[in-house]
Amino acid sequence: MLAEFQQYLSDHANLTEDALREISRLAVPASIPRNGVLLEAGDTCRHKIFIINGLLRTFSITEDGNEHILQFSPERTWTLDVESYDKHTPSQVSIAAVEPSNVLLWHKPDFDDLLLRFPELKRFSEQLISRNIYSSRNRILTMLSGTPEEKYADFVQTYPGFLARLPLRMIAAYLGISLKTLTRIRRAQLRR
C-alpha cells in the first residue's frame, strides 16, 4: 500500500525522498469491508484519508431515512469531513466503503506537523483543496439549475467508470433524484 501511495505523491507533488518516507511512516493502513464505516455522523473526524483502492462515499441520512450522497472518493483520492476535522466538532456526515477498500489514515496532529515540516506537501494540499472547491462549485451549479437528465448526463461524463461500480440507488442519491426518475432516464437513453 505504501509503495502505491509514494508513487502517487511522486507523480503529483515535488517531495524529497526523506519527505516521502516520513509522510508514509505516519500513515496508518486500514482495510475497510464493503459498507464498513470510517466516520459515523455525530463523531469527530480525526483523520485525513487517502484511498489506495476501492470506493468510499460521504453521505448523510435525513430523519425520514433518505440518504443524500455528497461525494464519491475512488482510488488515488483524499477524503474527510473538512469542517469536523478543522473545528473538532461532531460530523454531520458519514464516510463508508461502497466496495472493499484499502486506505491510509493520518491523525490530525501528525498531518498538521507534516504540513509545517514539508512546505511542498502544504502546497500540494492547497492545490487539492482548490480543485475540490472548483469541483464542488460546478456540482452545486448543476444541482441547482440542471434537469434530472442534465444531472445524469453530467454524472456520466464526469465519472464514466462509476456506472459499473455503483448501485442505481446511490447514483440517484448523489444526483438528488428518485430511483424511479433515474430508471426512466436510463430507459429513455437505451431506446435512442
C-alpha atoms as a PDB file:
ATOM      1  CA  MET A   1       0.000   0.000   0.000  1.00  0.00           C
ATOM      2  CA  LEU A   2       2.723   2.460   0.929  1.00  0.00           C
ATOM      3  CA  ALA A   3       4.586   1.959  -2.352  1.00  0.00           C
ATOM      4  CA  GLU A   4       1.438   2.870  -4.308  1.00  0.00           C
ATOM      5  CA  PHE A   5       0.933   5.959  -2.167  1.00  0.00           C
ATOM      6  CA  GLN A   6       4.558   7.027  -2.551  1.00  0.00           C
ATOM      7  CA  GLN A   7       4.244   6.652  -6.324  1.00  0.00           C
ATOM      8  CA  TYR A   8       1.085   8.788  -6.260  1.00  0.00           C
ATOM      9  CA  LEU A   9       2.872  11.538  -4.289  1.00  0.00           C
ATOM     10  CA  SER A  10       5.923  11.346  -6.563  1.00  0.00           C
ATOM     11  CA  ASP A  11       3.641  11.788  -9.579  1.00  0.00           C
ATOM     12  CA  HIS A  12       1.757  14.774  -8.124  1.00  0.00           C
ATOM     13  CA  ALA A  13       3.984  16.609  -5.636  1.00  0.00           C
ATOM     14  CA  ASN A  14       7.591  17.756  -5.637  1.00  0.00           C
ATOM     15  CA  LEU A  15       8.717  15.968  -2.467  1.00  0.00           C
ATOM     16  CA  THR A  16      12.126  14.681  -1.422  1.00  0.00           C
ATOM     17  CA  GLU A  17      12.701  11.013  -0.654  1.00  0.00           C
ATOM     18  CA  ASP A  18      13.025  11.919   3.040  1.00  0.00           C
ATOM     19  CA  ALA A  19       9.649  13.678   2.945  1.00  0.00           C
ATOM     20  CA  LEU A  20       8.024  10.704   1.196  1.00  0.00           C
ATOM     21  CA  ARG A  21       9.414   8.323   3.815  1.00  0.00           C
ATOM     22  CA  GLU A  22       8.253  10.494   6.736  1.00  0.00           C
ATOM     23  CA  ILE A  23       4.765  11.033   5.320  1.00  0.00           C
ATOM     24  CA  SER A  24       4.449   7.295   4.724  1.00  0.00           C
ATOM     25  CA  ARG A  25       5.827   6.425   8.172  1.00  0.00           C
ATOM     26  CA  LEU A  26       2.999   8.326   9.857  1.00  0.00           C
ATOM     27  CA  ALA A  27       0.290   6.709   7.723  1.00  0.00           C
ATOM     28  CA  VAL A  28      -1.928   4.108   9.353  1.00  0.00           C
ATOM     29  CA  PRO A  29      -3.093   1.455   6.845  1.00  0.00           C
ATOM     30  CA  ALA A  30      -6.649   0.154   7.147  1.00  0.00           C
ATOM     31  CA  SER A  31      -8.798  -2.281   5.208  1.00  0.00           C
ATOM     32  CA  ILE A  32     -12.477  -1.390   5.114  1.00  0.00           C
ATOM     33  CA  PRO A  33     -15.049  -4.034   4.118  1.00  0.00           C
ATOM     34  CA  ARG A  34     -17.966  -3.215   1.835  1.00  0.00           C
ATOM     35  CA  ASN A  35     -20.358  -0.973   3.801  1.00  0.00           C
ATOM     36  CA  GLY A  36     -17.728  -0.539   6.534  1.00  0.00           C
ATOM     37  CA  VAL A  37     -17.880   2.881   8.179  1.00  0.00           C
ATOM     38  CA  LEU A  38     -14.819   5.105   8.600  1.00  0.00           C
ATOM     39  CA  LEU A  39     -16.690   8.065  10.072  1.00  0.00           C
ATOM     40  CA  GLU A  40     -20.120   7.990  11.696  1.00  0.00           C
ATOM     41  CA  ALA A  41     -22.281  11.127  11.739  1.00  0.00           C
ATOM     42  CA  GLY A  42     -22.025  12.599  15.234  1.00  0.00           C
ATOM     43  CA  ASP A  43     -18.386  11.560  15.684  1.00  0.00           C
ATOM     44  CA  THR A  44     -15.476  13.946  15.168  1.00  0.00           C
ATOM     45  CA  CYS A  45     -13.372  13.476  12.036  1.00  0.00           C
ATOM     46  CA  ARG A  46      -9.828  12.917  13.294  1.00  0.00           C
ATOM     47  CA  HIS A  47      -8.099  11.638  10.129  1.00  0.00           C
ATOM     48  CA  LYS A  48      -7.176  12.589   6.609  1.00  0.00           C
ATOM     49  CA  ILE A  49      -7.973   9.604   4.428  1.00  0.00           C
ATOM     50  CA  PHE A  50      -6.208   8.534   1.220  1.00  0.00           C
ATOM     51  CA  ILE A  51      -7.869   5.763  -0.781  1.00  0.00           C
ATOM     52  CA  ILE A  52      -5.348   3.262  -2.161  1.00  0.00           C
ATOM     53  CA  ASN A  53      -8.039   1.153  -3.819  1.00  0.00           C
ATOM     54  CA  GLY A  54     -11.775   0.828  -3.545  1.00  0.00           C
ATOM     55  CA  LEU A  55     -14.505   3.440  -3.371  1.00  0.00           C
ATOM     56  CA  LEU A  56     -15.872   5.484  -0.453  1.00  0.00           C
ATOM     57  CA  ARG A  57     -18.961   7.669  -0.179  1.00  0.00           C
ATOM     58  CA  THR A  58     -19.654  10.673   2.020  1.00  0.00           C
ATOM     59  CA  PHE A  59     -23.325  10.917   2.908  1.00  0.00           C
ATOM     60  CA  SER A  60     -25.992  11.986   5.342  1.00  0.00           C
ATOM     61  CA  ILE A  61     -29.273  10.350   6.226  1.00  0.00           C
ATOM     62  CA  THR A  62     -32.321  12.501   6.896  1.00  0.00           C
ATOM     63  CA  GLU A  63     -34.737  11.876   9.767  1.00  0.00           C
ATOM     64  CA  ASP A  64     -37.131  10.156   7.350  1.00  0.00           C
ATOM     65  CA  GLY A  65     -34.370   7.741   6.260  1.00  0.00           C
ATOM     66  CA  ASN A  66     -33.428   9.250   2.895  1.00  0.00           C
ATOM     67  CA  GLU A  67     -29.750   9.130   2.008  1.00  0.00           C
ATOM     68  CA  HIS A  68     -28.036  12.128   0.389  1.00  0.00           C
ATOM     69  CA  ILE A  69     -24.602  11.414  -1.056  1.00  0.00           C
ATOM     70  CA  LEU A  70     -22.269  14.403  -1.163  1.00  0.00           C
ATOM     71  CA  GLN A  71     -19.329  12.752  -2.875  1.00  0.00           C
ATOM     72  CA  PHE A  72     -17.693   9.560  -4.012  1.00  0.00           C
ATOM     73  CA  SER A  73     -13.984   9.063  -3.383  1.00  0.00           C
ATOM     74  CA  PRO A  74     -12.302   6.469  -5.613  1.00  0.00           C
ATOM     75  CA  GLU A  75      -8.748   5.176  -5.506  1.00  0.00           C
ATOM     76  CA  ARG A  76      -5.943   7.748  -5.553  1.00  0.00           C
ATOM     77  CA  THR A  77      -8.067  10.469  -3.940  1.00  0.00           C
ATOM     78  CA  TRP A  78      -8.365  12.001  -0.477  1.00  0.00           C
ATOM     79  CA  THR A  79     -11.419  12.475   1.693  1.00  0.00           C
ATOM     80  CA  LEU A  80     -12.526  13.678   5.125  1.00  0.00           C
ATOM     81  CA  ASP A  81     -15.193  15.877   6.690  1.00  0.00           C
ATOM     82  CA  VAL A  82     -13.342  19.183   6.468  1.00  0.00           C
ATOM     83  CA  GLU A  83     -15.496  21.109   8.939  1.00  0.00           C
ATOM     84  CA  SER A  84     -15.407  18.431  11.619  1.00  0.00           C
ATOM     85  CA  TYR A  85     -11.663  17.899  11.082  1.00  0.00           C
ATOM     86  CA  ASP A  86     -10.768  21.594  11.226  1.00  0.00           C
ATOM     87  CA  LYS A  87     -13.115  22.659  14.031  1.00  0.00           C
ATOM     88  CA  HIS A  88     -13.053  19.440  16.117  1.00  0.00           C
ATOM     89  CA  THR A  89     -16.858  19.305  16.016  1.00  0.00           C
ATOM     90  CA  PRO A  90     -19.279  16.406  15.513  1.00  0.00           C
ATOM     91  CA  SER A  91     -19.615  15.471  11.869  1.00  0.00           C
ATOM     92  CA  GLN A  92     -22.885  15.919  10.053  1.00  0.00           C
ATOM     93  CA  VAL A  93     -21.908  13.206   7.555  1.00  0.00           C
ATOM     94  CA  SER A  94     -20.739   9.620   7.493  1.00  0.00           C
ATOM     95  CA  ILE A  95     -17.996   8.119   5.331  1.00  0.00           C
ATOM     96  CA  ALA A  96     -18.361   4.463   4.354  1.00  0.00           C
ATOM     97  CA  ALA A  97     -16.974   1.996   1.818  1.00  0.00           C
ATOM     98  CA  VAL A  98     -19.089   1.281  -1.256  1.00  0.00           C
ATOM     99  CA  GLU A  99     -16.764  -1.633  -2.038  1.00  0.00           C
ATOM    100  CA  PRO A 100     -13.897  -3.233  -0.100  1.00  0.00           C
ATOM    101  CA  SER A 101     -11.268  -0.521   0.216  1.00  0.00           C
ATOM    102  CA  ASN A 102      -7.714  -0.088   1.414  1.00  0.00           C
ATOM    103  CA  VAL A 103      -6.921   3.320   2.848  1.00  0.00           C
ATOM    104  CA  LEU A 104      -4.199   5.229   4.638  1.00  0.00           C
ATOM    105  CA  LEU A 105      -5.106   7.413   7.611  1.00  0.00           C
ATOM    106  CA  TRP A 106      -3.194  10.282   9.196  1.00  0.00           C
ATOM    107  CA  HIS A 107      -4.112  11.569  12.644  1.00  0.00           C
ATOM    108  CA  LYS A 108      -4.713  15.320  12.545  1.00  0.00           C
ATOM    109  CA  PRO A 109      -1.761  16.282  14.798  1.00  0.00           C
ATOM    110  CA  ASP A 110       0.591  14.161  12.655  1.00  0.00           C
ATOM    111  CA  PHE A 111      -0.667  15.610   9.371  1.00  0.00           C
ATOM    112  CA  ASP A 112      -0.562  19.170  10.730  1.00  0.00           C
ATOM    113  CA  ASP A 113       3.065  18.571  11.724  1.00  0.00           C
ATOM    114  CA  LEU A 114       3.863  17.212   8.244  1.00  0.00           C
ATOM    115  CA  LEU A 115       2.384  20.347   6.660  1.00  0.00           C
ATOM    116  CA  LEU A 116       4.648  22.509   8.822  1.00  0.00           C
ATOM    117  CA  ARG A 117       7.753  20.441   8.138  1.00  0.00           C
ATOM    118  CA  PHE A 118       7.268  19.984   4.392  1.00  0.00           C
ATOM    119  CA  PRO A 119       6.188  23.135   2.515  1.00  0.00           C
ATOM    120  CA  GLU A 120       5.871  21.110  -0.704  1.00  0.00           C
ATOM    121  CA  LEU A 121       3.193  18.952   0.964  1.00  0.00           C
ATOM    122  CA  LYS A 122       1.395  22.089   2.139  1.00  0.00           C
ATOM    123  CA  ARG A 123       1.416  23.481  -1.434  1.00  0.00           C
ATOM    124  CA  PHE A 124       0.114  20.183  -2.792  1.00  0.00           C
ATOM    125  CA  SER A 125      -2.596  20.088  -0.125  1.00  0.00           C
ATOM    126  CA  GLU A 126      -3.660  23.640  -1.022  1.00  0.00           C
ATOM    127  CA  GLN A 127      -3.896  22.656  -4.710  1.00  0.00           C
ATOM    128  CA  LEU A 128      -6.134  19.715  -3.783  1.00  0.00           C
ATOM    129  CA  ILE A 129      -8.362  21.997  -1.723  1.00  0.00           C
ATOM    130  CA  SER A 130      -8.664  24.450  -4.625  1.00  0.00           C
ATOM    131  CA  ARG A 131      -9.576  21.662  -7.059  1.00  0.00           C
ATOM    132  CA  ASN A 132     -12.155  20.351  -4.620  1.00  0.00           C
ATOM    133  CA  ILE A 133     -13.708  23.813  -4.289  1.00  0.00           C
ATOM    134  CA  TYR A 134     -13.950  24.163  -8.084  1.00  0.00           C
ATOM    135  CA  SER A 135     -15.482  20.712  -8.408  1.00  0.00           C
ATOM    136  CA  SER A 136     -17.967  21.405  -5.606  1.00  0.00           C
ATOM    137  CA  ARG A 137     -18.989  24.704  -7.179  1.00  0.00           C
ATOM    138  CA  ASN A 138     -19.655  23.020 -10.530  1.00  0.00           C
ATOM    139  CA  ARG A 139     -21.649  20.277  -8.809  1.00  0.00           C
ATOM    140  CA  ILE A 140     -23.758  22.843  -6.919  1.00  0.00           C
ATOM    141  CA  LEU A 141     -24.487  24.768 -10.118  1.00  0.00           C
ATOM    142  CA  THR A 142     -25.553  21.573 -11.904  1.00  0.00           C
ATOM    143  CA  MET A 143     -27.725  20.525  -8.958  1.00  0.00           C
ATOM    144  CA  LEU A 144     -29.416  23.926  -8.766  1.00  0.00           C
ATOM    145  CA  SER A 145     -30.041  24.524 -12.444  1.00  0.00           C
ATOM    146  CA  GLY A 146     -29.959  21.151 -14.183  1.00  0.00           C
ATOM    147  CA  THR A 147     -32.856  18.933 -15.106  1.00  0.00           C
ATOM    148  CA  PRO A 148     -32.659  15.315 -13.916  1.00  0.00           C
ATOM    149  CA  GLU A 149     -31.499  14.363 -17.429  1.00  0.00           C
ATOM    150  CA  GLU A 150     -28.764  17.022 -17.345  1.00  0.00           C
ATOM    151  CA  LYS A 151     -27.652  15.939 -13.879  1.00  0.00           C
ATOM    152  CA  TYR A 152     -27.344  12.338 -15.047  1.00  0.00           C
ATOM    153  CA  ALA A 153     -25.534  13.331 -18.264  1.00  0.00           C
ATOM    154  CA  ASP A 154     -23.064  15.393 -16.220  1.00  0.00           C
ATOM    155  CA  PHE A 155     -22.508  12.470 -13.842  1.00  0.00           C
ATOM    156  CA  VAL A 156     -21.867  10.059 -16.739  1.00  0.00           C
ATOM    157  CA  GLN A 157     -19.443  12.486 -18.372  1.00  0.00           C
ATOM    158  CA  THR A 158     -17.609  13.342 -15.142  1.00  0.00           C
ATOM    159  CA  TYR A 159     -17.474   9.815 -13.667  1.00  0.00           C
ATOM    160  CA  PRO A 160     -17.857   7.287 -16.509  1.00  0.00           C
ATOM    161  CA  GLY A 161     -16.206   4.488 -14.524  1.00  0.00           C
ATOM    162  CA  PHE A 162     -18.635   4.805 -11.619  1.00  0.00           C
ATOM    163  CA  LEU A 163     -21.652   3.438 -13.508  1.00  0.00           C
ATOM    164  CA  ALA A 164     -20.418  -0.141 -13.261  1.00  0.00           C
ATOM    165  CA  ARG A 165     -19.313   0.246  -9.630  1.00  0.00           C
ATOM    166  CA  LEU A 166     -22.361   1.861  -8.053  1.00  0.00           C
ATOM    167  CA  PRO A 167     -25.892   0.655  -7.403  1.00  0.00           C
ATOM    168  CA  LEU A 168     -28.509   2.850  -9.068  1.00  0.00           C
ATOM    169  CA  ARG A 169     -29.913   3.911  -5.696  1.00  0.00           C
ATOM    170  CA  MET A 170     -26.558   5.514  -4.815  1.00  0.00           C
ATOM    171  CA  ILE A 171     -26.363   7.343  -8.134  1.00  0.00           C
ATOM    172  CA  ALA A 172     -29.906   8.645  -7.562  1.00  0.00           C
ATOM    173  CA  ALA A 173     -28.966   9.717  -4.004  1.00  0.00           C
ATOM    174  CA  TYR A 174     -25.938  11.571  -5.383  1.00  0.00           C
ATOM    175  CA  LEU A 175     -27.990  13.293  -8.086  1.00  0.00           C
ATOM    176  CA  GLY A 176     -30.819  14.207  -5.729  1.00  0.00           C
ATOM    177  CA  ILE A 177     -33.445  12.432  -7.818  1.00  0.00           C
ATOM    178  CA  SER A 178     -35.672   9.448  -7.166  1.00  0.00           C
ATOM    179  CA  LEU A 179     -34.662   5.965  -8.228  1.00  0.00           C
ATOM    180  CA  LYS A 180     -37.810   5.895 -10.372  1.00  0.00           C
ATOM    181  CA  THR A 181     -36.714   9.043 -12.234  1.00  0.00           C
ATOM    182  CA  LEU A 182     -33.206   7.676 -12.754  1.00  0.00           C
ATOM    183  CA  THR A 183     -34.595   4.412 -14.120  1.00  0.00           C
ATOM    184  CA  ARG A 184     -36.836   6.358 -16.533  1.00  0.00           C
ATOM    185  CA  ILE A 185     -33.870   8.440 -17.768  1.00  0.00           C
ATOM    186  CA  ARG A 186     -31.721   5.358 -18.334  1.00  0.00           C
ATOM    187  CA  ARG A 187     -34.531   3.557 -20.205  1.00  0.00           C
ATOM    188  CA  ALA A 188     -35.050   6.573 -22.457  1.00  0.00           C
ATOM    189  CA  GLN A 189     -31.326   6.659 -23.259  1.00  0.00           C
ATOM    190  CA  LEU A 190     -31.265   2.974 -24.131  1.00  0.00           C
ATOM    191  CA  ARG A 191     -34.125   3.450 -26.590  1.00  0.00           C
ATOM    192  CA  ARG A 192     -32.202   6.105 -28.530  1.00  0.00           C
END
